[in-house]
Amino acid sequence: MNSLKPEDTAVYFCAADMKPRILAYDYWGRGTQVTVSS
C-alpha cells in the first residue's frame, strides 16, 4: 500500500477460496489494523 490516505484507515482482512468461478470467500483471517493519520 503506497500513497496512503486517511480514507484507507480500516481493519484489513485477507480471505481465501478455491471455487472456480464464484468470487465468494469461505476462509478469513482476523484482520490487522491500518491507521493513516492526516
Full PDB file with SEQRES, HELIX, SHEET, SSBOND, CRYST1, ORIGX, SCALE, CONECT and MASTER records, all heavy atoms in Angstrom:
SEQRES   1 A   38  MET ASN SER LEU LYS PRO GLU ASP THR ALA VAL TYR PHE          
SEQRES   2 A   38  CYS ALA ALA ASP MET LYS PRO ARG ILE LEU ALA TYR ASP          
SEQRES   3 A   38  TYR TRP GLY ARG GLY THR GLN VAL THR VAL SER SER              
HELIX    1 AA1 PRO A    6  ASP A    8  5                                   3    
SHEET    1 AA1 2 ALA A  10  TYR A  12  0                                        
SHEET    2 AA1 2 THR A  32  VAL A  34 -1                                        
SHEET    1 AA2 2 ALA A  15  ALA A  16  0                                        
SHEET    2 AA2 2 TYR A  27  TRP A  28 -1                                        
CRYST1    1.000    1.000    1.000  90.00  90.00  90.00 P 1           1          
ORIGX1      1.000000  0.000000  0.000000        0.00000                         
ORIGX2      0.000000  1.000000  0.000000        0.00000                         
ORIGX3      0.000000  0.000000  1.000000        0.00000                         
SCALE1      1.000000  0.000000  0.000000        0.00000                         
SCALE2      0.000000  1.000000  0.000000        0.00000                         
SCALE3      0.000000  0.000000  1.000000        0.00000                         
ATOM      1  N   MET A   1       0.852  -1.183   0.000  1.00  0.00           N  
ATOM      2  CA  MET A   1       0.000   0.000   0.000  1.00  0.00           C  
ATOM      3  C   MET A   1       0.887   1.232   0.000  1.00  0.00           C  
ATOM      4  O   MET A   1       1.638   1.465   0.952  1.00  0.00           O  
ATOM      5  CB  MET A   1      -0.929   0.006   1.213  1.00  0.00           C  
ATOM      6  CG  MET A   1      -1.764  -1.261   1.355  1.00  0.00           C  
ATOM      7  SD  MET A   1      -2.974  -1.150   2.701  1.00  0.00           S  
ATOM      8  CE  MET A   1      -1.858  -1.020   4.096  1.00  0.00           C  
ATOM      9  N   ASN A   2       0.801   2.017  -1.064  1.00  0.00           N  
ATOM     10  CA  ASN A   2       1.562   3.247  -1.207  1.00  0.00           C  
ATOM     11  C   ASN A   2       0.616   4.438  -1.269  1.00  0.00           C  
ATOM     12  O   ASN A   2      -0.576   4.293  -1.509  1.00  0.00           O  
ATOM     13  CB  ASN A   2       2.418   3.201  -2.470  1.00  0.00           C  
ATOM     14  CG  ASN A   2       3.433   2.092  -2.465  1.00  0.00           C  
ATOM     15  OD1 ASN A   2       3.981   1.735  -1.425  1.00  0.00           O  
ATOM     16  ND2 ASN A   2       3.710   1.538  -3.648  1.00  0.00           N  
ATOM     17  N   SER A   3       1.187   5.615  -1.073  1.00  0.00           N  
ATOM     18  CA  SER A   3       0.418   6.860  -1.144  1.00  0.00           C  
ATOM     19  C   SER A   3      -0.842   6.780  -0.293  1.00  0.00           C  
ATOM     20  O   SER A   3      -1.941   7.137  -0.722  1.00  0.00           O  
ATOM     21  CB  SER A   3       0.064   7.186  -2.597  1.00  0.00           C  
ATOM     22  OG  SER A   3       1.230   7.311  -3.385  1.00  0.00           O  
ATOM     23  N   LEU A   4      -0.674   6.336   0.924  1.00  0.00           N  
ATOM     24  CA  LEU A   4      -1.824   6.097   1.787  1.00  0.00           C  
ATOM     25  C   LEU A   4      -2.534   7.396   2.149  1.00  0.00           C  
ATOM     26  O   LEU A   4      -1.910   8.448   2.299  1.00  0.00           O  
ATOM     27  CB  LEU A   4      -1.385   5.360   3.049  1.00  0.00           C  
ATOM     28  CG  LEU A   4      -1.136   3.866   2.840  1.00  0.00           C  
ATOM     29  CD1 LEU A   4      -0.313   3.291   3.979  1.00  0.00           C  
ATOM     30  CD2 LEU A   4      -2.465   3.123   2.716  1.00  0.00           C  
ATOM     31  N   LYS A   5      -3.832   7.271   2.278  1.00  0.00           N  
ATOM     32  CA  LYS A   5      -4.709   8.382   2.612  1.00  0.00           C  
ATOM     33  C   LYS A   5      -5.458   8.066   3.902  1.00  0.00           C  
ATOM     34  O   LYS A   5      -5.646   6.901   4.238  1.00  0.00           O  
ATOM     35  CB  LYS A   5      -5.725   8.614   1.490  1.00  0.00           C  
ATOM     36  CG  LYS A   5      -5.126   8.804   0.116  1.00  0.00           C  
ATOM     37  CD  LYS A   5      -6.229   8.863  -0.941  1.00  0.00           C  
ATOM     38  CE  LYS A   5      -5.659   9.016  -2.326  1.00  0.00           C  
ATOM     39  NZ  LYS A   5      -6.733   9.056  -3.356  1.00  0.00           N  
ATOM     40  N   PRO A   6      -5.920   9.080   4.613  1.00  0.00           N  
ATOM     41  CA  PRO A   6      -6.724   8.809   5.807  1.00  0.00           C  
ATOM     42  C   PRO A   6      -7.937   7.930   5.523  1.00  0.00           C  
ATOM     43  O   PRO A   6      -8.338   7.145   6.392  1.00  0.00           O  
ATOM     44  CB  PRO A   6      -7.148  10.206   6.272  1.00  0.00           C  
ATOM     45  CG  PRO A   6      -6.040  11.090   5.806  1.00  0.00           C  
ATOM     46  CD  PRO A   6      -5.613  10.516   4.482  1.00  0.00           C  
ATOM     47  N   GLU A   7      -8.493   8.030   4.330  1.00  0.00           N  
ATOM     48  CA  GLU A   7      -9.636   7.210   3.956  1.00  0.00           C  
ATOM     49  C   GLU A   7      -9.301   5.724   3.873  1.00  0.00           C  
ATOM     50  O   GLU A   7     -10.215   4.892   3.810  1.00  0.00           O  
ATOM     51  CB  GLU A   7     -10.210   7.659   2.603  1.00  0.00           C  
ATOM     52  CG  GLU A   7     -10.535   9.136   2.527  1.00  0.00           C  
ATOM     53  CD  GLU A   7      -9.380   9.942   1.957  1.00  0.00           C  
ATOM     54  OE1 GLU A   7      -8.512  10.371   2.751  1.00  0.00           O  
ATOM     55  OE2 GLU A   7      -9.348  10.150   0.720  1.00  0.00           O  
ATOM     56  N   ASP A   8      -8.024   5.372   3.849  1.00  0.00           N  
ATOM     57  CA  ASP A   8      -7.610   3.978   3.846  1.00  0.00           C  
ATOM     58  C   ASP A   8      -7.619   3.361   5.239  1.00  0.00           C  
ATOM     59  O   ASP A   8      -7.411   2.150   5.370  1.00  0.00           O  
ATOM     60  CB  ASP A   8      -6.212   3.831   3.252  1.00  0.00           C  
ATOM     61  CG  ASP A   8      -6.143   4.255   1.797  1.00  0.00           C  
ATOM     62  OD1 ASP A   8      -7.062   3.911   1.027  1.00  0.00           O  
ATOM     63  OD2 ASP A   8      -5.163   4.931   1.427  1.00  0.00           O  
ATOM     64  N   THR A   9      -7.830   4.162   6.262  1.00  0.00           N  
ATOM     65  CA  THR A   9      -7.856   3.653   7.625  1.00  0.00           C  
ATOM     66  C   THR A   9      -8.969   2.626   7.784  1.00  0.00           C  
ATOM     67  O   THR A   9     -10.131   2.896   7.483  1.00  0.00           O  
ATOM     68  CB  THR A   9      -8.046   4.802   8.620  1.00  0.00           C  
ATOM     69  OG1 THR A   9      -6.900   5.658   8.581  1.00  0.00           O  
ATOM     70  CG2 THR A   9      -8.214   4.278  10.038  1.00  0.00           C  
ATOM     71  N   ALA A  10      -8.615   1.439   8.252  1.00  0.00           N  
ATOM     72  CA  ALA A  10      -9.576   0.351   8.401  1.00  0.00           C  
ATOM     73  C   ALA A  10      -8.860  -0.852   8.994  1.00  0.00           C  
ATOM     74  O   ALA A  10      -7.631  -0.880   9.093  1.00  0.00           O  
ATOM     75  CB  ALA A  10     -10.190  -0.033   7.045  1.00  0.00           C  
ATOM     76  N   VAL A  11      -9.634  -1.847   9.365  1.00  0.00           N  
ATOM     77  CA  VAL A  11      -9.092  -3.167   9.619  1.00  0.00           C  
ATOM     78  C   VAL A  11      -9.057  -3.900   8.287  1.00  0.00           C  
ATOM     79  O   VAL A  11     -10.062  -3.971   7.576  1.00  0.00           O  
ATOM     80  CB  VAL A  11      -9.926  -3.952  10.640  1.00  0.00           C  
ATOM     81  CG1 VAL A  11      -9.380  -5.366  10.813  1.00  0.00           C  
ATOM     82  CG2 VAL A  11      -9.933  -3.224  11.983  1.00  0.00           C  
ATOM     83  N   TYR A  12      -7.907  -4.432   7.942  1.00  0.00           N  
ATOM     84  CA  TYR A  12      -7.719  -5.129   6.679  1.00  0.00           C  
ATOM     85  C   TYR A  12      -7.719  -6.631   6.914  1.00  0.00           C  
ATOM     86  O   TYR A  12      -6.997  -7.144   7.771  1.00  0.00           O  
ATOM     87  CB  TYR A  12      -6.411  -4.698   6.017  1.00  0.00           C  
ATOM     88  CG  TYR A  12      -6.519  -3.357   5.347  1.00  0.00           C  
ATOM     89  CD1 TYR A  12      -6.622  -2.192   6.102  1.00  0.00           C  
ATOM     90  CD2 TYR A  12      -6.536  -3.244   3.959  1.00  0.00           C  
ATOM     91  CE1 TYR A  12      -6.743  -0.959   5.497  1.00  0.00           C  
ATOM     92  CE2 TYR A  12      -6.646  -2.015   3.345  1.00  0.00           C  
ATOM     93  CZ  TYR A  12      -6.753  -0.873   4.116  1.00  0.00           C  
ATOM     94  OH  TYR A  12      -6.870   0.353   3.502  1.00  0.00           O  
ATOM     95  N   PHE A  13      -8.536  -7.335   6.143  1.00  0.00           N  
ATOM     96  CA  PHE A  13      -8.685  -8.774   6.229  1.00  0.00           C  
ATOM     97  C   PHE A  13      -8.221  -9.422   4.934  1.00  0.00           C  
ATOM     98  O   PHE A  13      -8.476  -8.895   3.853  1.00  0.00           O  
ATOM     99  CB  PHE A  13     -10.154  -9.166   6.440  1.00  0.00           C  
ATOM    100  CG  PHE A  13     -10.769  -8.631   7.690  1.00  0.00           C  
ATOM    101  CD1 PHE A  13     -11.355  -7.378   7.715  1.00  0.00           C  
ATOM    102  CD2 PHE A  13     -10.787  -9.385   8.844  1.00  0.00           C  
ATOM    103  CE1 PHE A  13     -11.942  -6.881   8.861  1.00  0.00           C  
ATOM    104  CE2 PHE A  13     -11.369  -8.911   9.995  1.00  0.00           C  
ATOM    105  CZ  PHE A  13     -11.948  -7.657  10.011  1.00  0.00           C  
ATOM    106  N   CYS A  14      -7.571 -10.568   5.039  1.00  0.00           N  
ATOM    107  CA  CYS A  14      -7.385 -11.386   3.863  1.00  0.00           C  
ATOM    108  C   CYS A  14      -8.345 -12.565   3.931  1.00  0.00           C  
ATOM    109  O   CYS A  14      -8.787 -12.985   5.004  1.00  0.00           O  
ATOM    110  CB  CYS A  14      -5.940 -11.859   3.688  1.00  0.00           C  
ATOM    111  SG  CYS A  14      -5.335 -13.033   4.912  1.00  0.00           S  
ATOM    112  N   ALA A  15      -8.686 -13.073   2.764  1.00  0.00           N  
ATOM    113  CA  ALA A  15      -9.623 -14.173   2.642  1.00  0.00           C  
ATOM    114  C   ALA A  15      -9.194 -15.058   1.488  1.00  0.00           C  
ATOM    115  O   ALA A  15      -8.520 -14.600   0.559  1.00  0.00           O  
ATOM    116  CB  ALA A  15     -11.043 -13.650   2.417  1.00  0.00           C  
ATOM    117  N   ALA A  16      -9.587 -16.320   1.545  1.00  0.00           N  
ATOM    118  CA  ALA A  16      -9.171 -17.280   0.535  1.00  0.00           C  
ATOM    119  C   ALA A  16     -10.318 -18.206   0.173  1.00  0.00           C  
ATOM    120  O   ALA A  16     -11.176 -18.521   1.005  1.00  0.00           O  
ATOM    121  CB  ALA A  16      -7.977 -18.101   1.022  1.00  0.00           C  
ATOM    122  N   ASP A  17     -10.305 -18.630  -1.072  1.00  0.00           N  
ATOM    123  CA  ASP A  17     -11.291 -19.589  -1.552  1.00  0.00           C  
ATOM    124  C   ASP A  17     -10.768 -20.238  -2.818  1.00  0.00           C  
ATOM    125  O   ASP A  17      -9.906 -19.668  -3.495  1.00  0.00           O  
ATOM    126  CB  ASP A  17     -12.636 -18.903  -1.815  1.00  0.00           C  
ATOM    127  CG  ASP A  17     -13.794 -19.875  -1.722  1.00  0.00           C  
ATOM    128  OD1 ASP A  17     -14.321 -20.058  -0.607  1.00  0.00           O  
ATOM    129  OD2 ASP A  17     -14.162 -20.451  -2.761  1.00  0.00           O  
ATOM    130  N   MET A  18     -11.291 -21.404  -3.149  1.00  0.00           N  
ATOM    131  CA  MET A  18     -10.879 -22.079  -4.365  1.00  0.00           C  
ATOM    132  C   MET A  18     -12.039 -22.444  -5.293  1.00  0.00           C  
ATOM    133  O   MET A  18     -11.858 -23.228  -6.224  1.00  0.00           O  
ATOM    134  CB  MET A  18     -10.044 -23.325  -4.053  1.00  0.00           C  
ATOM    135  CG  MET A  18     -10.708 -24.358  -3.195  1.00  0.00           C  
ATOM    136  SD  MET A  18      -9.757 -25.913  -3.133  1.00  0.00           S  
ATOM    137  CE  MET A  18      -8.085 -25.370  -3.232  1.00  0.00           C  
ATOM    138  N   LYS A  19     -13.203 -21.863  -5.073  1.00  0.00           N  
ATOM    139  CA  LYS A  19     -14.279 -22.054  -6.039  1.00  0.00           C  
ATOM    140  C   LYS A  19     -13.850 -21.493  -7.382  1.00  0.00           C  
ATOM    141  O   LYS A  19     -13.275 -20.407  -7.451  1.00  0.00           O  
ATOM    142  CB  LYS A  19     -15.564 -21.373  -5.555  1.00  0.00           C  
ATOM    143  CG  LYS A  19     -16.131 -21.995  -4.290  1.00  0.00           C  
ATOM    144  CD  LYS A  19     -17.490 -21.409  -3.940  1.00  0.00           C  
ATOM    145  CE  LYS A  19     -17.371 -19.967  -3.502  1.00  0.00           C  
ATOM    146  NZ  LYS A  19     -16.641 -19.855  -2.208  1.00  0.00           N  
ATOM    147  N   PRO A  20     -14.128 -22.203  -8.465  1.00  0.00           N  
ATOM    148  CA  PRO A  20     -13.531 -21.839  -9.758  1.00  0.00           C  
ATOM    149  C   PRO A  20     -14.079 -20.576 -10.400  1.00  0.00           C  
ATOM    150  O   PRO A  20     -13.375 -19.942 -11.172  1.00  0.00           O  
ATOM    151  CB  PRO A  20     -13.821 -23.059 -10.635  1.00  0.00           C  
ATOM    152  CG  PRO A  20     -15.028 -23.685 -10.022  1.00  0.00           C  
ATOM    153  CD  PRO A  20     -14.899 -23.456  -8.541  1.00  0.00           C  
ATOM    154  N   ARG A  21     -15.318 -20.197 -10.106  1.00  0.00           N  
ATOM    155  CA  ARG A  21     -15.940 -19.080 -10.808  1.00  0.00           C  
ATOM    156  C   ARG A  21     -16.587 -18.061  -9.883  1.00  0.00           C  
ATOM    157  O   ARG A  21     -16.450 -16.858 -10.101  1.00  0.00           O  
ATOM    158  CB  ARG A  21     -16.978 -19.589 -11.814  1.00  0.00           C  
ATOM    159  CG  ARG A  21     -16.372 -20.236 -13.047  1.00  0.00           C  
ATOM    160  CD  ARG A  21     -17.390 -21.034 -13.816  1.00  0.00           C  
ATOM    161  NE  ARG A  21     -17.771 -22.251 -13.103  1.00  0.00           N  
ATOM    162  CZ  ARG A  21     -18.625 -23.155 -13.551  1.00  0.00           C  
ATOM    163  NH1 ARG A  21     -19.209 -22.978 -14.727  1.00  0.00           N  
ATOM    164  NH2 ARG A  21     -18.904 -24.223 -12.839  1.00  0.00           N  
ATOM    165  N   ILE A  22     -17.284 -18.511  -8.883  1.00  0.00           N  
ATOM    166  CA  ILE A  22     -17.969 -17.602  -7.962  1.00  0.00           C  
ATOM    167  C   ILE A  22     -16.955 -16.972  -7.021  1.00  0.00           C  
ATOM    168  O   ILE A  22     -16.194 -17.674  -6.353  1.00  0.00           O  
ATOM    169  CB  ILE A  22     -19.059 -18.340  -7.168  1.00  0.00           C  
ATOM    170  CG1 ILE A  22     -20.103 -18.919  -8.119  1.00  0.00           C  
ATOM    171  CG2 ILE A  22     -19.709 -17.406  -6.158  1.00  0.00           C  
ATOM    172  CD1 ILE A  22     -21.133 -19.779  -7.435  1.00  0.00           C  
ATOM    173  N   LEU A  23     -16.951 -15.647  -6.973  1.00  0.00           N  
ATOM    174  CA  LEU A  23     -15.949 -14.918  -6.209  1.00  0.00           C  
ATOM    175  C   LEU A  23     -16.413 -14.675  -4.773  1.00  0.00           C  
ATOM    176  O   LEU A  23     -16.481 -13.536  -4.298  1.00  0.00           O  
ATOM    177  CB  LEU A  23     -15.607 -13.601  -6.904  1.00  0.00           C  
ATOM    178  CG  LEU A  23     -14.993 -13.743  -8.292  1.00  0.00           C  
ATOM    179  CD1 LEU A  23     -14.687 -12.377  -8.878  1.00  0.00           C  
ATOM    180  CD2 LEU A  23     -13.730 -14.588  -8.246  1.00  0.00           C  
ATOM    181  N   ALA A  24     -16.727 -15.750  -4.093  1.00  0.00           N  
ATOM    182  CA  ALA A  24     -17.023 -15.716  -2.675  1.00  0.00           C  
ATOM    183  C   ALA A  24     -15.837 -16.297  -1.919  1.00  0.00           C  
ATOM    184  O   ALA A  24     -14.982 -16.969  -2.494  1.00  0.00           O  
ATOM    185  CB  ALA A  24     -18.301 -16.486  -2.365  1.00  0.00           C  
ATOM    186  N   TYR A  25     -15.801 -16.044  -0.621  1.00  0.00           N  
ATOM    187  CA  TYR A  25     -14.666 -16.460   0.200  1.00  0.00           C  
ATOM    188  C   TYR A  25     -15.158 -17.183   1.443  1.00  0.00           C  
ATOM    189  O   TYR A  25     -15.994 -16.657   2.186  1.00  0.00           O  
ATOM    190  CB  TYR A  25     -13.821 -15.250   0.601  1.00  0.00           C  
ATOM    191  CG  TYR A  25     -13.189 -14.565  -0.581  1.00  0.00           C  
ATOM    192  CD1 TYR A  25     -13.881 -13.592  -1.292  1.00  0.00           C  
ATOM    193  CD2 TYR A  25     -11.904 -14.904  -0.987  1.00  0.00           C  
ATOM    194  CE1 TYR A  25     -13.299 -12.969  -2.385  1.00  0.00           C  
ATOM    195  CE2 TYR A  25     -11.319 -14.285  -2.078  1.00  0.00           C  
ATOM    196  CZ  TYR A  25     -12.023 -13.322  -2.776  1.00  0.00           C  
ATOM    197  OH  TYR A  25     -11.446 -12.710  -3.857  1.00  0.00           O  
ATOM    198  N   ASP A  26     -14.625 -18.367   1.687  1.00  0.00           N  
ATOM    199  CA  ASP A  26     -15.013 -19.173   2.833  1.00  0.00           C  
ATOM    200  C   ASP A  26     -14.062 -19.047   4.007  1.00  0.00           C  
ATOM    201  O   ASP A  26     -14.447 -19.347   5.143  1.00  0.00           O  
ATOM    202  CB  ASP A  26     -15.111 -20.643   2.438  1.00  0.00           C  
ATOM    203  CG  ASP A  26     -16.309 -20.934   1.560  1.00  0.00           C  
ATOM    204  OD1 ASP A  26     -17.295 -20.179   1.620  1.00  0.00           O  
ATOM    205  OD2 ASP A  26     -16.256 -21.927   0.805  1.00  0.00           O  
ATOM    206  N   TYR A  27     -12.835 -18.628   3.777  1.00  0.00           N  
ATOM    207  CA  TYR A  27     -11.806 -18.618   4.814  1.00  0.00           C  
ATOM    208  C   TYR A  27     -11.286 -17.210   5.003  1.00  0.00           C  
ATOM    209  O   TYR A  27     -10.893 -16.543   4.041  1.00  0.00           O  
ATOM    210  CB  TYR A  27     -10.664 -19.574   4.446  1.00  0.00           C  
ATOM    211  CG  TYR A  27     -11.158 -20.957   4.124  1.00  0.00           C  
ATOM    212  CD1 TYR A  27     -11.287 -21.380   2.812  1.00  0.00           C  
ATOM    213  CD2 TYR A  27     -11.522 -21.831   5.138  1.00  0.00           C  
ATOM    214  CE1 TYR A  27     -11.762 -22.638   2.515  1.00  0.00           C  
ATOM    215  CE2 TYR A  27     -12.002 -23.090   4.849  1.00  0.00           C  
ATOM    216  CZ  TYR A  27     -12.123 -23.492   3.535  1.00  0.00           C  
ATOM    217  OH  TYR A  27     -12.603 -24.747   3.243  1.00  0.00           O  
ATOM    218  N   TRP A  28     -11.267 -16.778   6.262  1.00  0.00           N  
ATOM    219  CA  TRP A  28     -10.926 -15.403   6.607  1.00  0.00           C  
ATOM    220  C   TRP A  28      -9.933 -15.349   7.746  1.00  0.00           C  
ATOM    221  O   TRP A  28      -9.982 -16.166   8.663  1.00  0.00           O  
ATOM    222  CB  TRP A  28     -12.183 -14.629   7.026  1.00  0.00           C  
ATOM    223  CG  TRP A  28     -13.157 -14.413   5.917  1.00  0.00           C  
ATOM    224  CD1 TRP A  28     -14.053 -15.307   5.431  1.00  0.00           C  
ATOM    225  CD2 TRP A  28     -13.325 -13.213   5.163  1.00  0.00           C  
ATOM    226  NE1 TRP A  28     -14.778 -14.746   4.407  1.00  0.00           N  
ATOM    227  CE2 TRP A  28     -14.355 -13.459   4.231  1.00  0.00           C  
ATOM    228  CE3 TRP A  28     -12.717 -11.962   5.191  1.00  0.00           C  
ATOM    229  CZ2 TRP A  28     -14.780 -12.489   3.324  1.00  0.00           C  
ATOM    230  CZ3 TRP A  28     -13.141 -10.996   4.293  1.00  0.00           C  
ATOM    231  CH2 TRP A  28     -14.163 -11.271   3.378  1.00  0.00           C  
ATOM    232  N   GLY A  29      -9.038 -14.382   7.682  1.00  0.00           N  
ATOM    233  CA  GLY A  29      -8.219 -14.056   8.826  1.00  0.00           C  
ATOM    234  C   GLY A  29      -8.965 -13.146   9.771  1.00  0.00           C  
ATOM    235  O   GLY A  29     -10.116 -12.751   9.536  1.00  0.00           O  
ATOM    236  N   ARG A  30      -8.305 -12.779  10.851  1.00  0.00           N  
ATOM    237  CA  ARG A  30      -8.942 -11.947  11.868  1.00  0.00           C  
ATOM    238  C   ARG A  30      -8.676 -10.467  11.701  1.00  0.00           C  
ATOM    239  O   ARG A  30      -9.282  -9.657  12.400  1.00  0.00           O  
ATOM    240  CB  ARG A  30      -8.503 -12.400  13.257  1.00  0.00           C  
ATOM    241  CG  ARG A  30      -9.035 -13.780  13.624  1.00  0.00           C  
ATOM    242  CD  ARG A  30      -8.801 -14.104  15.075  1.00  0.00           C  
ATOM    243  NE  ARG A  30      -9.430 -15.365  15.449  1.00  0.00           N  
ATOM    244  CZ  ARG A  30      -9.489 -15.823  16.681  1.00  0.00           C  
ATOM    245  NH1 ARG A  30      -8.947 -15.126  17.673  1.00  0.00           N  
ATOM    246  NH2 ARG A  30     -10.074 -16.987  16.926  1.00  0.00           N  
ATOM    247  N   GLY A  31      -7.791 -10.096  10.797  1.00  0.00           N  
ATOM    248  CA  GLY A  31      -7.600  -8.703  10.457  1.00  0.00           C  
ATOM    249  C   GLY A  31      -6.387  -8.072  11.102  1.00  0.00           C  
ATOM    250  O   GLY A  31      -5.876  -8.535  12.118  1.00  0.00           O  
ATOM    251  N   THR A  32      -5.924  -6.991  10.479  1.00  0.00           N  
ATOM    252  CA  THR A  32      -4.844  -6.179  11.012  1.00  0.00           C  
ATOM    253  C   THR A  32      -5.197  -4.712  10.806  1.00  0.00           C  
ATOM    254  O   THR A  32      -5.704  -4.324   9.753  1.00  0.00           O  
ATOM    255  CB  THR A  32      -3.489  -6.535  10.353  1.00  0.00           C  
ATOM    256  OG1 THR A  32      -2.435  -5.805  10.967  1.00  0.00           O  
ATOM    257  CG2 THR A  32      -3.498  -6.254   8.854  1.00  0.00           C  
ATOM    258  N   GLN A  33      -4.957  -3.905  11.815  1.00  0.00           N  
ATOM    259  CA  GLN A  33      -5.365  -2.507  11.794  1.00  0.00           C  
ATOM    260  C   GLN A  33      -4.382  -1.658  11.005  1.00  0.00           C  
ATOM    261  O   GLN A  33      -3.171  -1.723  11.223  1.00  0.00           O  
ATOM    262  CB  GLN A  33      -5.479  -1.964  13.218  1.00  0.00           C  
ATOM    263  CG  GLN A  33      -5.830  -0.480  13.301  1.00  0.00           C  
ATOM    264  CD  GLN A  33      -7.246  -0.191  12.876  1.00  0.00           C  
ATOM    265  OE1 GLN A  33      -8.176  -0.887  13.293  1.00  0.00           O  
ATOM    266  NE2 GLN A  33      -7.418   0.827  12.038  1.00  0.00           N  
ATOM    267  N   VAL A  34      -4.910  -0.838  10.108  1.00  0.00           N  
ATOM    268  CA  VAL A  34      -4.143   0.170   9.393  1.00  0.00           C  
ATOM    269  C   VAL A  34      -4.734   1.526   9.731  1.00  0.00           C  
ATOM    270  O   VAL A  34      -5.931   1.752   9.545  1.00  0.00           O  
ATOM    271  CB  VAL A  34      -4.177  -0.057   7.872  1.00  0.00           C  
ATOM    272  CG1 VAL A  34      -3.555   1.131   7.135  1.00  0.00           C  
ATOM    273  CG2 VAL A  34      -3.457  -1.344   7.519  1.00  0.00           C  
ATOM    274  N   THR A  35      -3.901   2.422  10.228  1.00  0.00           N  
ATOM    275  CA  THR A  35      -4.338   3.766  10.562  1.00  0.00           C  
ATOM    276  C   THR A  35      -3.450   4.766   9.837  1.00  0.00           C  
ATOM    277  O   THR A  35      -2.223   4.708   9.957  1.00  0.00           O  
ATOM    278  CB  THR A  35      -4.277   4.020  12.073  1.00  0.00           C  
ATOM    279  OG1 THR A  35      -5.085   3.051  12.756  1.00  0.00           O  
ATOM    280  CG2 THR A  35      -4.787   5.408  12.409  1.00  0.00           C  
ATOM    281  N   VAL A  36      -4.064   5.667   9.091  1.00  0.00           N  
ATOM    282  CA  VAL A  36      -3.344   6.687   8.336  1.00  0.00           C  
ATOM    283  C   VAL A  36      -3.719   8.031   8.929  1.00  0.00           C  
ATOM    284  O   VAL A  36      -4.879   8.438   8.872  1.00  0.00           O  
ATOM    285  CB  VAL A  36      -3.685   6.640   6.846  1.00  0.00           C  
ATOM    286  CG1 VAL A  36      -2.834   7.651   6.086  1.00  0.00           C  
ATOM    287  CG2 VAL A  36      -3.473   5.240   6.295  1.00  0.00           C  
ATOM    288  N   SER A  37      -2.752   8.716   9.477  1.00  0.00           N  
ATOM    289  CA  SER A  37      -3.001   9.995  10.125  1.00  0.00           C  
ATOM    290  C   SER A  37      -2.996  11.116   9.101  1.00  0.00           C  
ATOM    291  O   SER A  37      -2.244  11.093   8.121  1.00  0.00           O  
ATOM    292  CB  SER A  37      -1.964  10.258  11.212  1.00  0.00           C  
ATOM    293  OG  SER A  37      -0.658  10.334  10.661  1.00  0.00           O  
ATOM    294  N   SER A  38      -3.820  12.113   9.341  1.00  0.00           N  
ATOM    295  CA  SER A  38      -3.933  13.248   8.440  1.00  0.00           C  
ATOM    296  C   SER A  38      -2.979  14.365   8.828  1.00  0.00           C  
ATOM    297  O   SER A  38      -2.402  14.371   9.916  1.00  0.00           O  
ATOM    298  CB  SER A  38      -5.362  13.767   8.406  1.00  0.00           C  
ATOM    299  OG  SER A  38      -5.771  14.175   9.696  1.00  0.00           O  
TER     300      SER A  38                                                      
MASTER        0    0    0    1    4    0    0    6  299    1    0    3          
END                                                                             
